[in-house]
N, C-alpha and C. Protein backbone atom coordinates (compact mmCIF):
# COMPACT_ATOMS: atom_id res chain seq x y z
N UNK A 1 104.55 128.36 -106.52
CA UNK A 1 103.55 127.62 -107.28
C UNK A 1 102.26 128.40 -107.32
N UNK A 2 101.58 128.34 -108.39
CA UNK A 2 100.31 129.05 -108.50
C UNK A 2 99.16 128.23 -108.02
N UNK A 3 97.97 128.75 -107.77
CA UNK A 3 96.77 128.05 -107.31
C UNK A 3 96.24 127.19 -108.43
N UNK A 4 95.71 125.97 -108.07
CA UNK A 4 95.16 125.08 -109.11
C UNK A 4 93.91 125.69 -109.70
N UNK A 5 93.66 125.39 -110.96
CA UNK A 5 92.47 125.97 -111.61
C UNK A 5 91.22 125.43 -110.98
N UNK A 6 90.17 126.22 -110.89
CA UNK A 6 88.90 125.77 -110.28
C UNK A 6 88.26 124.68 -111.11
N UNK A 7 87.60 123.74 -110.37
CA UNK A 7 86.92 122.64 -111.03
C UNK A 7 85.70 123.17 -111.74
N UNK A 8 85.49 122.64 -112.94
CA UNK A 8 84.33 123.05 -113.69
C UNK A 8 83.14 122.20 -113.33
N UNK A 9 81.99 122.81 -113.16
CA UNK A 9 80.77 122.10 -112.83
C UNK A 9 80.30 121.33 -114.04
N UNK A 10 80.13 120.01 -113.82
CA UNK A 10 79.69 119.15 -114.90
C UNK A 10 78.21 118.92 -114.78
N UNK A 11 77.49 119.05 -115.85
CA UNK A 11 76.05 118.83 -115.89
C UNK A 11 75.78 117.71 -116.83
N UNK A 12 75.02 116.79 -116.38
CA UNK A 12 74.66 115.65 -117.23
C UNK A 12 73.46 116.00 -118.04
N UNK A 13 73.44 115.47 -119.21
CA UNK A 13 72.32 115.74 -120.10
C UNK A 13 71.11 115.00 -119.63
N UNK A 14 69.91 115.54 -119.87
CA UNK A 14 68.69 114.84 -119.45
C UNK A 14 68.53 113.55 -120.21
N UNK A 15 67.90 112.55 -119.61
CA UNK A 15 67.71 111.28 -120.31
C UNK A 15 66.90 111.48 -121.54
N UNK A 16 67.16 110.68 -122.56
CA UNK A 16 66.46 110.90 -123.83
C UNK A 16 64.99 110.62 -123.72
N UNK A 17 64.54 109.75 -122.93
CA UNK A 17 63.12 109.40 -122.86
C UNK A 17 62.52 109.92 -121.58
N UNK A 18 62.07 111.04 -121.50
CA UNK A 18 61.37 111.55 -120.33
C UNK A 18 62.01 112.77 -119.80
N UNK A 19 61.31 113.43 -118.93
CA UNK A 19 61.82 114.67 -118.34
C UNK A 19 62.94 114.39 -117.39
N UNK A 20 63.54 115.44 -116.99
CA UNK A 20 64.67 115.33 -116.08
C UNK A 20 64.20 114.88 -114.71
N UNK A 21 64.89 113.90 -114.12
CA UNK A 21 64.55 113.38 -112.79
C UNK A 21 65.66 113.71 -111.84
N UNK A 22 65.23 114.13 -110.67
CA UNK A 22 66.20 114.44 -109.63
C UNK A 22 66.62 113.16 -108.96
N UNK A 23 67.88 112.87 -108.89
CA UNK A 23 68.40 111.66 -108.25
C UNK A 23 68.78 111.93 -106.81
N UNK A 24 68.33 110.96 -105.91
CA UNK A 24 68.74 111.07 -104.51
C UNK A 24 70.20 110.75 -104.37
N UNK A 25 70.80 111.33 -103.42
CA UNK A 25 72.21 110.93 -103.19
C UNK A 25 72.28 109.46 -102.81
N UNK A 26 73.38 108.86 -103.19
CA UNK A 26 73.56 107.41 -102.95
C UNK A 26 73.81 107.15 -101.47
N UNK A 27 72.70 107.02 -100.73
CA UNK A 27 72.77 106.75 -99.28
C UNK A 27 72.05 105.46 -98.98
N UNK A 28 72.31 104.88 -97.81
CA UNK A 28 71.70 103.60 -97.39
C UNK A 28 70.22 103.80 -97.10
N UNK A 29 69.38 102.94 -97.70
CA UNK A 29 67.94 103.05 -97.50
C UNK A 29 67.58 102.64 -96.08
N UNK A 30 66.60 103.27 -95.47
CA UNK A 30 66.23 102.93 -94.07
C UNK A 30 65.68 101.51 -93.99
N UNK A 31 65.99 100.83 -92.85
CA UNK A 31 65.52 99.45 -92.64
C UNK A 31 64.02 99.45 -92.43
N UNK A 32 63.35 98.41 -92.94
CA UNK A 32 61.89 98.37 -92.72
C UNK A 32 61.55 98.23 -91.25
N UNK A 33 60.44 98.84 -90.85
CA UNK A 33 60.01 98.81 -89.45
C UNK A 33 59.60 97.39 -89.06
N UNK A 34 60.14 96.96 -87.96
CA UNK A 34 59.87 95.59 -87.49
C UNK A 34 58.45 95.51 -86.94
N UNK A 35 57.72 94.55 -87.49
CA UNK A 35 56.35 94.38 -87.04
C UNK A 35 56.33 93.68 -85.68
N UNK A 36 55.41 94.05 -84.81
CA UNK A 36 55.34 93.38 -83.47
C UNK A 36 55.00 91.91 -83.64
N UNK A 37 55.70 91.09 -82.86
CA UNK A 37 55.51 89.63 -82.93
C UNK A 37 54.23 89.24 -82.19
N UNK A 38 53.34 88.65 -82.91
CA UNK A 38 52.04 88.27 -82.35
C UNK A 38 52.06 86.80 -82.01
N UNK A 39 51.71 86.44 -80.75
CA UNK A 39 51.61 85.05 -80.34
C UNK A 39 50.33 84.44 -80.89
N UNK A 40 50.43 83.26 -81.47
CA UNK A 40 49.20 82.63 -81.97
C UNK A 40 48.30 82.22 -80.82
N UNK A 41 47.03 82.28 -81.07
CA UNK A 41 46.04 81.89 -80.06
C UNK A 41 46.10 80.39 -79.84
N UNK A 42 46.27 79.98 -78.57
CA UNK A 42 46.37 78.55 -78.27
C UNK A 42 45.10 77.82 -78.63
N UNK A 43 43.95 78.46 -78.37
CA UNK A 43 42.67 77.82 -78.70
C UNK A 43 42.53 77.65 -80.20
N UNK A 44 43.03 78.66 -80.95
CA UNK A 44 42.92 78.55 -82.40
C UNK A 44 43.78 77.44 -82.93
N UNK A 45 45.03 77.34 -82.39
CA UNK A 45 45.92 76.25 -82.84
C UNK A 45 45.31 74.91 -82.54
N UNK A 46 44.81 74.75 -81.30
CA UNK A 46 44.23 73.46 -80.94
C UNK A 46 43.02 73.16 -81.80
N UNK A 47 42.26 74.21 -82.11
CA UNK A 47 41.06 73.99 -82.91
C UNK A 47 41.42 73.63 -84.33
N UNK A 48 42.42 74.38 -84.90
CA UNK A 48 42.82 74.08 -86.27
C UNK A 48 43.38 72.69 -86.37
N UNK A 49 44.14 72.26 -85.33
CA UNK A 49 44.69 70.91 -85.36
C UNK A 49 43.61 69.87 -85.28
N UNK A 50 42.50 70.18 -84.64
CA UNK A 50 41.42 69.22 -84.52
C UNK A 50 40.53 69.19 -85.74
N UNK A 51 40.76 70.16 -86.66
CA UNK A 51 40.00 70.12 -87.90
C UNK A 51 38.72 70.93 -87.88
N UNK A 52 38.57 71.92 -86.97
CA UNK A 52 37.35 72.73 -86.96
C UNK A 52 37.69 74.14 -87.42
N UNK A 53 36.70 74.92 -87.72
CA UNK A 53 36.89 76.30 -88.12
C UNK A 53 37.34 77.13 -86.94
N UNK A 54 38.18 78.15 -87.16
CA UNK A 54 38.68 78.95 -86.03
C UNK A 54 37.59 79.64 -85.24
N UNK A 55 36.47 79.95 -85.87
CA UNK A 55 35.42 80.67 -85.15
C UNK A 55 34.43 79.75 -84.47
N UNK A 56 34.70 78.44 -84.41
CA UNK A 56 33.79 77.53 -83.73
C UNK A 56 33.90 77.71 -82.23
N UNK A 57 32.87 77.34 -81.45
CA UNK A 57 32.94 77.47 -79.98
C UNK A 57 34.09 76.66 -79.41
N UNK A 58 34.67 77.19 -78.36
CA UNK A 58 35.85 76.56 -77.78
C UNK A 58 35.52 75.20 -77.21
N UNK A 59 34.32 75.03 -76.62
CA UNK A 59 34.01 73.77 -75.95
C UNK A 59 33.87 72.62 -76.94
N UNK A 60 33.74 72.92 -78.23
CA UNK A 60 33.68 71.83 -79.20
C UNK A 60 34.99 71.06 -79.22
N UNK A 61 36.09 71.84 -79.26
CA UNK A 61 37.39 71.16 -79.30
C UNK A 61 37.61 70.34 -78.04
N UNK A 62 37.14 70.84 -76.89
CA UNK A 62 37.29 70.07 -75.65
C UNK A 62 36.47 68.80 -75.69
N UNK A 63 35.28 68.89 -76.28
CA UNK A 63 34.40 67.73 -76.31
C UNK A 63 34.93 66.68 -77.27
N UNK A 64 35.40 67.12 -78.47
CA UNK A 64 35.81 66.15 -79.47
C UNK A 64 37.23 65.66 -79.28
N UNK A 65 38.00 66.30 -78.38
CA UNK A 65 39.39 65.89 -78.19
C UNK A 65 39.53 64.76 -77.21
N UNK A 66 38.44 64.32 -76.58
CA UNK A 66 38.53 63.21 -75.63
C UNK A 66 38.90 61.93 -76.35
N UNK A 67 39.84 61.25 -75.78
CA UNK A 67 40.31 60.02 -76.40
C UNK A 67 39.39 58.86 -76.07
N UNK A 68 39.65 57.75 -76.75
CA UNK A 68 38.85 56.55 -76.49
C UNK A 68 39.11 55.99 -75.10
N UNK A 69 40.35 56.20 -74.58
CA UNK A 69 40.64 55.71 -73.23
C UNK A 69 39.83 56.47 -72.20
N UNK A 70 39.65 57.78 -72.41
CA UNK A 70 38.82 58.55 -71.48
C UNK A 70 37.39 58.04 -71.51
N UNK A 71 36.90 57.74 -72.70
CA UNK A 71 35.53 57.25 -72.81
C UNK A 71 35.37 55.90 -72.12
N UNK A 72 36.38 55.03 -72.26
CA UNK A 72 36.27 53.71 -71.66
C UNK A 72 36.33 53.77 -70.15
N UNK A 73 37.08 54.75 -69.60
CA UNK A 73 37.21 54.84 -68.15
C UNK A 73 35.97 55.45 -67.52
N UNK A 74 35.45 56.52 -68.17
CA UNK A 74 34.38 57.28 -67.55
C UNK A 74 32.99 56.79 -67.92
N UNK A 75 32.89 55.95 -68.91
CA UNK A 75 31.57 55.53 -69.35
C UNK A 75 31.39 54.03 -69.28
N UNK A 76 32.31 53.35 -68.61
CA UNK A 76 32.15 51.91 -68.44
C UNK A 76 31.20 51.64 -67.29
N UNK A 77 30.22 50.84 -67.49
CA UNK A 77 29.24 50.56 -66.46
C UNK A 77 29.80 49.68 -65.36
N UNK A 78 29.14 49.61 -64.23
CA UNK A 78 29.62 48.76 -63.13
C UNK A 78 29.57 47.30 -63.51
N UNK A 79 30.49 46.54 -62.91
CA UNK A 79 30.54 45.12 -63.19
C UNK A 79 29.38 44.37 -62.55
N UNK A 80 29.19 43.17 -62.98
CA UNK A 80 28.08 42.39 -62.41
C UNK A 80 28.33 42.04 -60.96
N UNK A 81 27.27 41.95 -60.19
CA UNK A 81 27.36 41.58 -58.78
C UNK A 81 27.51 40.07 -58.68
N UNK A 82 28.54 39.65 -57.94
CA UNK A 82 28.81 38.24 -57.77
C UNK A 82 28.54 37.84 -56.33
N UNK A 83 27.82 36.75 -56.17
CA UNK A 83 27.52 36.22 -54.85
C UNK A 83 28.47 35.08 -54.55
N UNK A 84 29.12 35.13 -53.39
CA UNK A 84 30.06 34.10 -52.98
C UNK A 84 29.54 33.41 -51.74
N UNK A 85 29.67 32.11 -51.74
CA UNK A 85 29.19 31.29 -50.62
C UNK A 85 30.36 30.97 -49.71
N UNK A 86 30.32 31.54 -48.49
CA UNK A 86 31.37 31.28 -47.50
C UNK A 86 30.87 30.39 -46.38
N UNK A 87 29.82 29.69 -46.61
CA UNK A 87 29.27 28.84 -45.55
C UNK A 87 30.24 27.72 -45.18
N UNK A 88 30.98 27.20 -46.18
CA UNK A 88 31.94 26.13 -45.88
C UNK A 88 33.09 26.67 -45.04
N UNK A 89 33.53 27.91 -45.35
CA UNK A 89 34.60 28.50 -44.55
C UNK A 89 34.16 28.70 -43.11
N UNK A 90 32.92 29.18 -42.93
CA UNK A 90 32.42 29.37 -41.57
C UNK A 90 32.26 28.03 -40.86
N UNK A 91 31.89 26.99 -41.61
CA UNK A 91 31.74 25.68 -40.99
C UNK A 91 33.09 25.14 -40.55
N UNK A 92 34.11 25.34 -41.42
CA UNK A 92 35.44 24.87 -41.04
C UNK A 92 35.97 25.65 -39.84
N UNK A 93 35.66 26.95 -39.80
CA UNK A 93 36.12 27.76 -38.67
C UNK A 93 35.40 27.35 -37.39
N UNK A 94 34.10 27.05 -37.50
CA UNK A 94 33.35 26.66 -36.31
C UNK A 94 33.80 25.31 -35.79
N UNK A 95 34.34 24.45 -36.68
CA UNK A 95 34.82 23.16 -36.22
C UNK A 95 36.02 23.30 -35.29
N UNK A 96 36.73 24.44 -35.40
CA UNK A 96 37.86 24.65 -34.50
C UNK A 96 37.42 24.86 -33.06
N UNK A 97 36.21 25.37 -32.87
CA UNK A 97 35.68 25.58 -31.51
C UNK A 97 35.10 24.27 -30.98
N UNK A 98 35.65 23.78 -29.94
CA UNK A 98 35.14 22.53 -29.33
C UNK A 98 34.77 22.74 -27.87
N UNK A 99 35.08 23.93 -27.32
CA UNK A 99 34.77 24.22 -25.92
C UNK A 99 33.70 25.30 -25.84
N UNK A 100 32.79 25.11 -24.91
CA UNK A 100 31.74 26.10 -24.67
C UNK A 100 32.20 27.17 -23.69
N UNK A 101 32.93 26.78 -22.67
CA UNK A 101 33.43 27.71 -21.66
C UNK A 101 34.59 27.07 -20.92
N UNK A 102 35.37 27.91 -20.26
CA UNK A 102 36.48 27.44 -19.43
C UNK A 102 36.60 28.38 -18.24
N UNK A 103 36.86 27.83 -17.08
CA UNK A 103 37.00 28.62 -15.86
C UNK A 103 38.15 28.09 -15.03
N UNK A 104 38.82 29.01 -14.35
CA UNK A 104 39.83 28.65 -13.35
C UNK A 104 39.12 28.75 -12.00
N UNK A 105 38.81 27.61 -11.43
CA UNK A 105 37.93 27.58 -10.26
C UNK A 105 38.67 27.79 -8.93
N UNK A 106 39.80 27.15 -8.80
CA UNK A 106 40.46 27.15 -7.48
C UNK A 106 41.94 26.88 -7.66
N UNK A 107 42.66 26.85 -6.57
CA UNK A 107 44.10 26.58 -6.60
C UNK A 107 44.47 25.79 -5.35
N UNK A 108 45.61 25.13 -5.43
CA UNK A 108 46.14 24.35 -4.31
C UNK A 108 47.62 24.64 -4.18
N UNK A 109 48.04 24.98 -2.97
CA UNK A 109 49.46 25.21 -2.71
C UNK A 109 50.09 23.88 -2.31
N UNK A 110 51.03 23.44 -3.10
CA UNK A 110 51.71 22.17 -2.87
C UNK A 110 53.10 22.47 -2.34
N UNK A 111 53.43 21.87 -1.20
CA UNK A 111 54.75 22.10 -0.60
C UNK A 111 55.33 20.77 -0.15
N UNK A 112 56.65 20.74 -0.06
CA UNK A 112 57.32 19.54 0.39
C UNK A 112 57.27 19.40 1.90
N UNK A 113 57.92 18.36 2.39
CA UNK A 113 57.93 18.09 3.83
C UNK A 113 58.60 19.20 4.60
N UNK A 114 59.67 19.76 4.05
CA UNK A 114 60.40 20.83 4.74
C UNK A 114 59.95 22.21 4.31
N UNK A 115 58.93 22.29 3.44
CA UNK A 115 58.44 23.60 3.00
C UNK A 115 59.25 24.20 1.88
N UNK A 116 60.22 23.47 1.35
CA UNK A 116 61.05 23.97 0.26
C UNK A 116 60.49 23.46 -1.07
N UNK A 117 60.51 24.30 -2.08
CA UNK A 117 60.02 23.91 -3.40
C UNK A 117 58.52 23.92 -3.52
N UNK A 118 57.85 24.80 -2.80
CA UNK A 118 56.39 24.88 -2.88
C UNK A 118 55.97 25.50 -4.21
N UNK A 119 54.82 25.13 -4.68
CA UNK A 119 54.26 25.68 -5.92
C UNK A 119 52.75 25.62 -5.84
N UNK A 120 52.10 26.26 -6.81
CA UNK A 120 50.64 26.37 -6.83
C UNK A 120 50.11 25.64 -8.06
N UNK A 121 49.08 24.85 -7.86
CA UNK A 121 48.39 24.15 -8.95
C UNK A 121 47.02 24.79 -9.12
N UNK A 122 46.68 25.08 -10.38
CA UNK A 122 45.41 25.74 -10.69
C UNK A 122 44.44 24.73 -11.26
N UNK A 123 43.22 24.73 -10.73
CA UNK A 123 42.17 23.80 -11.15
C UNK A 123 41.28 24.49 -12.20
N UNK A 124 41.23 23.89 -13.36
CA UNK A 124 40.46 24.47 -14.47
C UNK A 124 39.37 23.48 -14.90
N UNK A 125 38.24 24.03 -15.30
CA UNK A 125 37.13 23.23 -15.81
C UNK A 125 36.78 23.69 -17.21
N UNK A 126 36.82 22.76 -18.16
CA UNK A 126 36.48 23.06 -19.56
C UNK A 126 35.18 22.34 -19.88
N UNK A 127 34.19 23.09 -20.29
CA UNK A 127 32.90 22.51 -20.69
C UNK A 127 32.86 22.46 -22.22
N UNK A 128 32.71 21.28 -22.78
CA UNK A 128 32.73 21.11 -24.22
C UNK A 128 31.36 21.38 -24.83
N UNK A 129 31.34 21.51 -26.17
CA UNK A 129 30.09 21.74 -26.87
C UNK A 129 29.18 20.52 -26.83
N UNK A 130 29.75 19.36 -26.62
CA UNK A 130 28.94 18.14 -26.54
C UNK A 130 28.32 17.93 -25.17
N UNK A 131 28.67 18.80 -24.23
CA UNK A 131 28.04 18.72 -22.91
C UNK A 131 28.89 18.12 -21.82
N UNK A 132 30.04 17.56 -22.16
CA UNK A 132 30.90 16.99 -21.14
C UNK A 132 31.85 18.01 -20.54
N UNK A 133 32.37 17.73 -19.36
CA UNK A 133 33.31 18.59 -18.67
C UNK A 133 34.68 17.92 -18.59
N UNK A 134 35.71 18.75 -18.67
CA UNK A 134 37.09 18.29 -18.53
C UNK A 134 37.72 19.05 -17.38
N UNK A 135 38.34 18.33 -16.48
CA UNK A 135 39.04 18.94 -15.35
C UNK A 135 40.55 18.80 -15.58
N UNK A 136 41.22 19.92 -15.64
CA UNK A 136 42.67 19.92 -15.86
C UNK A 136 43.33 20.73 -14.75
N UNK A 137 44.56 20.39 -14.47
CA UNK A 137 45.34 21.08 -13.44
C UNK A 137 46.66 21.51 -14.05
N UNK A 138 46.96 22.78 -13.89
CA UNK A 138 48.15 23.35 -14.51
C UNK A 138 48.85 24.29 -13.54
N UNK A 139 50.15 24.34 -13.72
CA UNK A 139 50.95 25.31 -12.97
C UNK A 139 51.10 26.60 -13.79
N UNK A 140 51.52 27.64 -13.09
CA UNK A 140 51.67 28.93 -13.79
C UNK A 140 52.72 28.82 -14.90
N UNK A 141 53.77 28.06 -14.67
CA UNK A 141 54.81 27.91 -15.68
C UNK A 141 54.27 27.28 -16.96
N UNK A 142 53.25 26.43 -16.86
CA UNK A 142 52.66 25.82 -18.05
C UNK A 142 51.82 26.84 -18.83
N UNK A 143 51.15 27.74 -18.13
CA UNK A 143 50.46 28.84 -18.81
C UNK A 143 51.47 29.73 -19.54
N UNK A 144 52.57 29.98 -18.87
CA UNK A 144 53.61 30.83 -19.46
C UNK A 144 54.19 30.18 -20.72
N UNK A 145 54.42 28.87 -20.67
CA UNK A 145 54.94 28.15 -21.83
C UNK A 145 53.93 28.14 -22.97
N UNK A 146 52.66 28.01 -22.64
CA UNK A 146 51.61 28.04 -23.66
C UNK A 146 51.61 29.38 -24.40
N UNK A 147 51.73 30.45 -23.67
CA UNK A 147 51.72 31.77 -24.31
C UNK A 147 52.92 31.95 -25.23
N UNK A 148 54.09 31.52 -24.80
CA UNK A 148 55.28 31.62 -25.66
C UNK A 148 55.11 30.81 -26.94
N UNK A 149 54.56 29.61 -26.83
CA UNK A 149 54.37 28.78 -28.02
C UNK A 149 53.33 29.37 -28.97
N UNK A 150 52.31 30.01 -28.41
CA UNK A 150 51.31 30.66 -29.26
C UNK A 150 51.91 31.85 -30.02
N UNK A 151 52.75 32.62 -29.37
CA UNK A 151 53.39 33.74 -30.05
C UNK A 151 54.30 33.27 -31.17
N UNK A 152 54.93 32.13 -31.00
CA UNK A 152 55.79 31.60 -32.07
C UNK A 152 54.95 31.03 -33.21
N UNK A 153 53.84 30.39 -32.88
CA UNK A 153 53.01 29.77 -33.92
C UNK A 153 52.11 30.77 -34.62
N UNK A 154 51.70 31.83 -33.92
CA UNK A 154 50.79 32.83 -34.49
C UNK A 154 51.37 34.23 -34.28
N UNK A 155 52.47 34.56 -34.95
CA UNK A 155 53.06 35.90 -34.74
C UNK A 155 52.16 37.03 -35.22
N UNK A 156 51.28 36.76 -36.19
CA UNK A 156 50.38 37.79 -36.70
C UNK A 156 49.22 38.08 -35.75
N UNK A 157 48.98 37.19 -34.78
CA UNK A 157 47.84 37.33 -33.86
C UNK A 157 48.29 37.69 -32.45
N UNK A 158 49.38 38.42 -32.36
CA UNK A 158 49.88 38.79 -31.03
C UNK A 158 48.87 39.62 -30.25
N UNK A 159 48.12 40.47 -30.96
CA UNK A 159 47.12 41.29 -30.28
C UNK A 159 45.98 40.50 -29.68
N UNK A 160 45.77 39.26 -30.14
CA UNK A 160 44.69 38.42 -29.61
C UNK A 160 45.14 37.55 -28.45
N UNK A 161 46.41 37.63 -28.09
CA UNK A 161 46.95 36.81 -27.00
C UNK A 161 47.18 37.73 -25.80
N UNK A 162 46.33 37.68 -24.80
CA UNK A 162 46.47 38.61 -23.66
C UNK A 162 47.69 38.26 -22.81
N UNK A 163 48.20 39.23 -22.07
CA UNK A 163 49.33 38.95 -21.18
C UNK A 163 48.88 38.16 -19.95
N UNK A 164 49.83 37.51 -19.34
CA UNK A 164 49.57 36.77 -18.10
C UNK A 164 49.68 37.71 -16.90
N UNK A 165 49.06 37.37 -15.79
CA UNK A 165 49.24 38.19 -14.58
C UNK A 165 50.70 38.19 -14.15
N UNK A 166 51.08 39.22 -13.45
CA UNK A 166 52.48 39.43 -13.10
C UNK A 166 52.98 38.37 -12.13
N UNK A 167 54.30 38.27 -12.07
CA UNK A 167 54.95 37.35 -11.14
C UNK A 167 55.42 38.12 -9.90
N UNK A 168 55.56 37.39 -8.80
CA UNK A 168 56.05 37.99 -7.56
C UNK A 168 56.66 36.89 -6.69
N UNK A 169 57.92 37.06 -6.34
CA UNK A 169 58.57 36.08 -5.46
C UNK A 169 58.21 36.29 -4.00
N UNK A 170 57.83 37.51 -3.67
CA UNK A 170 57.55 37.82 -2.26
C UNK A 170 56.15 37.38 -1.86
N UNK A 171 55.16 37.74 -2.69
CA UNK A 171 53.76 37.50 -2.30
C UNK A 171 53.09 36.42 -3.13
N UNK A 172 53.85 35.49 -3.66
CA UNK A 172 53.27 34.50 -4.57
C UNK A 172 52.35 33.50 -3.86
N UNK A 173 52.44 33.39 -2.54
CA UNK A 173 51.57 32.47 -1.81
C UNK A 173 50.52 33.20 -0.97
N UNK A 174 50.46 34.49 -1.06
CA UNK A 174 49.47 35.24 -0.29
C UNK A 174 48.10 35.13 -0.96
N UNK A 175 47.06 34.99 -0.15
CA UNK A 175 45.71 34.78 -0.72
C UNK A 175 45.26 35.90 -1.67
N UNK A 176 45.56 37.15 -1.31
CA UNK A 176 45.13 38.25 -2.17
C UNK A 176 45.84 38.20 -3.52
N UNK A 177 47.11 37.91 -3.49
CA UNK A 177 47.86 37.80 -4.74
C UNK A 177 47.37 36.61 -5.56
N UNK A 178 47.11 35.49 -4.93
CA UNK A 178 46.65 34.30 -5.64
C UNK A 178 45.25 34.51 -6.24
N UNK A 179 44.42 35.25 -5.56
CA UNK A 179 43.09 35.54 -6.11
C UNK A 179 43.19 36.42 -7.35
N UNK A 180 44.08 37.39 -7.29
CA UNK A 180 44.30 38.24 -8.46
C UNK A 180 44.87 37.43 -9.62
N UNK A 181 45.77 36.54 -9.33
CA UNK A 181 46.36 35.69 -10.38
C UNK A 181 45.31 34.75 -10.96
N UNK A 182 44.43 34.24 -10.15
CA UNK A 182 43.38 33.35 -10.65
C UNK A 182 42.49 34.05 -11.67
N UNK A 183 42.12 35.29 -11.37
CA UNK A 183 41.30 36.05 -12.32
C UNK A 183 42.05 36.32 -13.63
N UNK A 184 43.34 36.61 -13.51
CA UNK A 184 44.12 36.85 -14.73
C UNK A 184 44.28 35.60 -15.57
N UNK A 185 44.52 34.46 -14.94
CA UNK A 185 44.63 33.20 -15.68
C UNK A 185 43.30 32.81 -16.32
N UNK A 186 42.21 33.08 -15.63
CA UNK A 186 40.90 32.77 -16.19
C UNK A 186 40.63 33.59 -17.46
N UNK A 187 40.99 34.86 -17.42
CA UNK A 187 40.82 35.71 -18.61
C UNK A 187 41.71 35.22 -19.75
N UNK A 188 42.93 34.86 -19.44
CA UNK A 188 43.86 34.42 -20.47
C UNK A 188 43.38 33.14 -21.16
N UNK A 189 43.06 32.11 -20.38
CA UNK A 189 42.70 30.83 -20.98
C UNK A 189 41.36 30.91 -21.70
N UNK A 190 40.46 31.79 -21.27
CA UNK A 190 39.18 31.96 -21.97
C UNK A 190 39.40 32.57 -23.35
N UNK A 191 40.26 33.58 -23.43
CA UNK A 191 40.54 34.22 -24.73
C UNK A 191 41.22 33.25 -25.69
N UNK A 192 41.99 32.32 -25.17
CA UNK A 192 42.72 31.39 -26.03
C UNK A 192 41.84 30.21 -26.43
N UNK A 193 41.21 29.59 -25.48
CA UNK A 193 40.47 28.36 -25.75
C UNK A 193 39.20 28.61 -26.56
N UNK A 194 38.59 29.77 -26.43
CA UNK A 194 37.37 30.07 -27.16
C UNK A 194 37.62 30.79 -28.48
N UNK A 195 38.87 30.93 -28.87
CA UNK A 195 39.23 31.51 -30.16
C UNK A 195 39.37 30.39 -31.18
N UNK A 196 38.59 30.39 -32.28
CA UNK A 196 38.67 29.27 -33.24
C UNK A 196 40.05 29.09 -33.84
N UNK A 197 40.80 30.19 -33.98
CA UNK A 197 42.13 30.08 -34.58
C UNK A 197 43.09 29.34 -33.67
N UNK A 198 42.94 29.51 -32.36
CA UNK A 198 43.84 28.85 -31.41
C UNK A 198 43.30 27.50 -30.94
N UNK A 199 41.98 27.35 -30.92
CA UNK A 199 41.38 26.16 -30.30
C UNK A 199 41.78 24.87 -30.99
N UNK A 200 41.94 24.91 -32.31
CA UNK A 200 42.28 23.71 -33.07
C UNK A 200 43.77 23.53 -33.28
N UNK A 201 44.58 24.39 -32.69
CA UNK A 201 46.02 24.31 -32.92
C UNK A 201 46.64 23.20 -32.08
N UNK A 202 47.69 22.56 -32.58
CA UNK A 202 48.39 21.53 -31.79
C UNK A 202 48.98 22.08 -30.50
N UNK A 203 49.32 23.37 -30.50
CA UNK A 203 49.91 23.97 -29.30
C UNK A 203 48.92 23.92 -28.14
N UNK A 204 47.67 24.27 -28.39
CA UNK A 204 46.67 24.27 -27.33
C UNK A 204 46.27 22.85 -26.94
N UNK A 205 46.22 21.97 -27.91
CA UNK A 205 45.87 20.58 -27.60
C UNK A 205 46.93 19.94 -26.70
N UNK A 206 48.18 20.28 -26.95
CA UNK A 206 49.24 19.76 -26.08
C UNK A 206 49.09 20.29 -24.66
N UNK A 207 48.67 21.54 -24.54
CA UNK A 207 48.49 22.12 -23.21
C UNK A 207 47.33 21.44 -22.47
N UNK A 208 46.23 21.19 -23.17
CA UNK A 208 45.04 20.64 -22.52
C UNK A 208 45.23 19.17 -22.17
N UNK A 209 45.78 18.40 -23.09
CA UNK A 209 45.80 16.95 -22.90
C UNK A 209 47.14 16.43 -22.38
N UNK A 210 48.09 17.30 -22.12
CA UNK A 210 49.38 16.82 -21.61
C UNK A 210 49.25 16.40 -20.15
């Protein structure tokens, strides 16, 4: 076989209207350069949303953006001063106090014929606001019962109810122990009887007049 004939170079005629133009080869045009993404100014957005010019001072938007609720909270004047009369409450509270003072003066050891079943009786003197005196005699067990009843009736006032002096089976009739107990009972009954909250309670009245 012989060699194929050489290709003839084809030339296109120049366009009829204008000089000859050189044509670029048919290649893909380069992509446009991506512009850097600019974040909008937060102050400008807030300002434009509030209706002011972008070049206005920043503090204007802060001043005009306050809501009516902010104005009502921060600019409301103090309320009027009210005077309340508690004289009736104090009078009712003072009516609960009917005793001026109370003291545990002495004690008596009571024993049977054979010395079995001995106990101690405490002599108390209550001086009333009207000037009269009341003499009552109570055993330690009655003081103990009074304290238990007060704790049940006034659970919120437990801190105002002092403890009773300790018990002792060995030295309960010894003079030193009895003197210490007398002082403790005196402190206890004074705190109870001179307290307006306890003084008018049925629990204390039962203790005094029983």
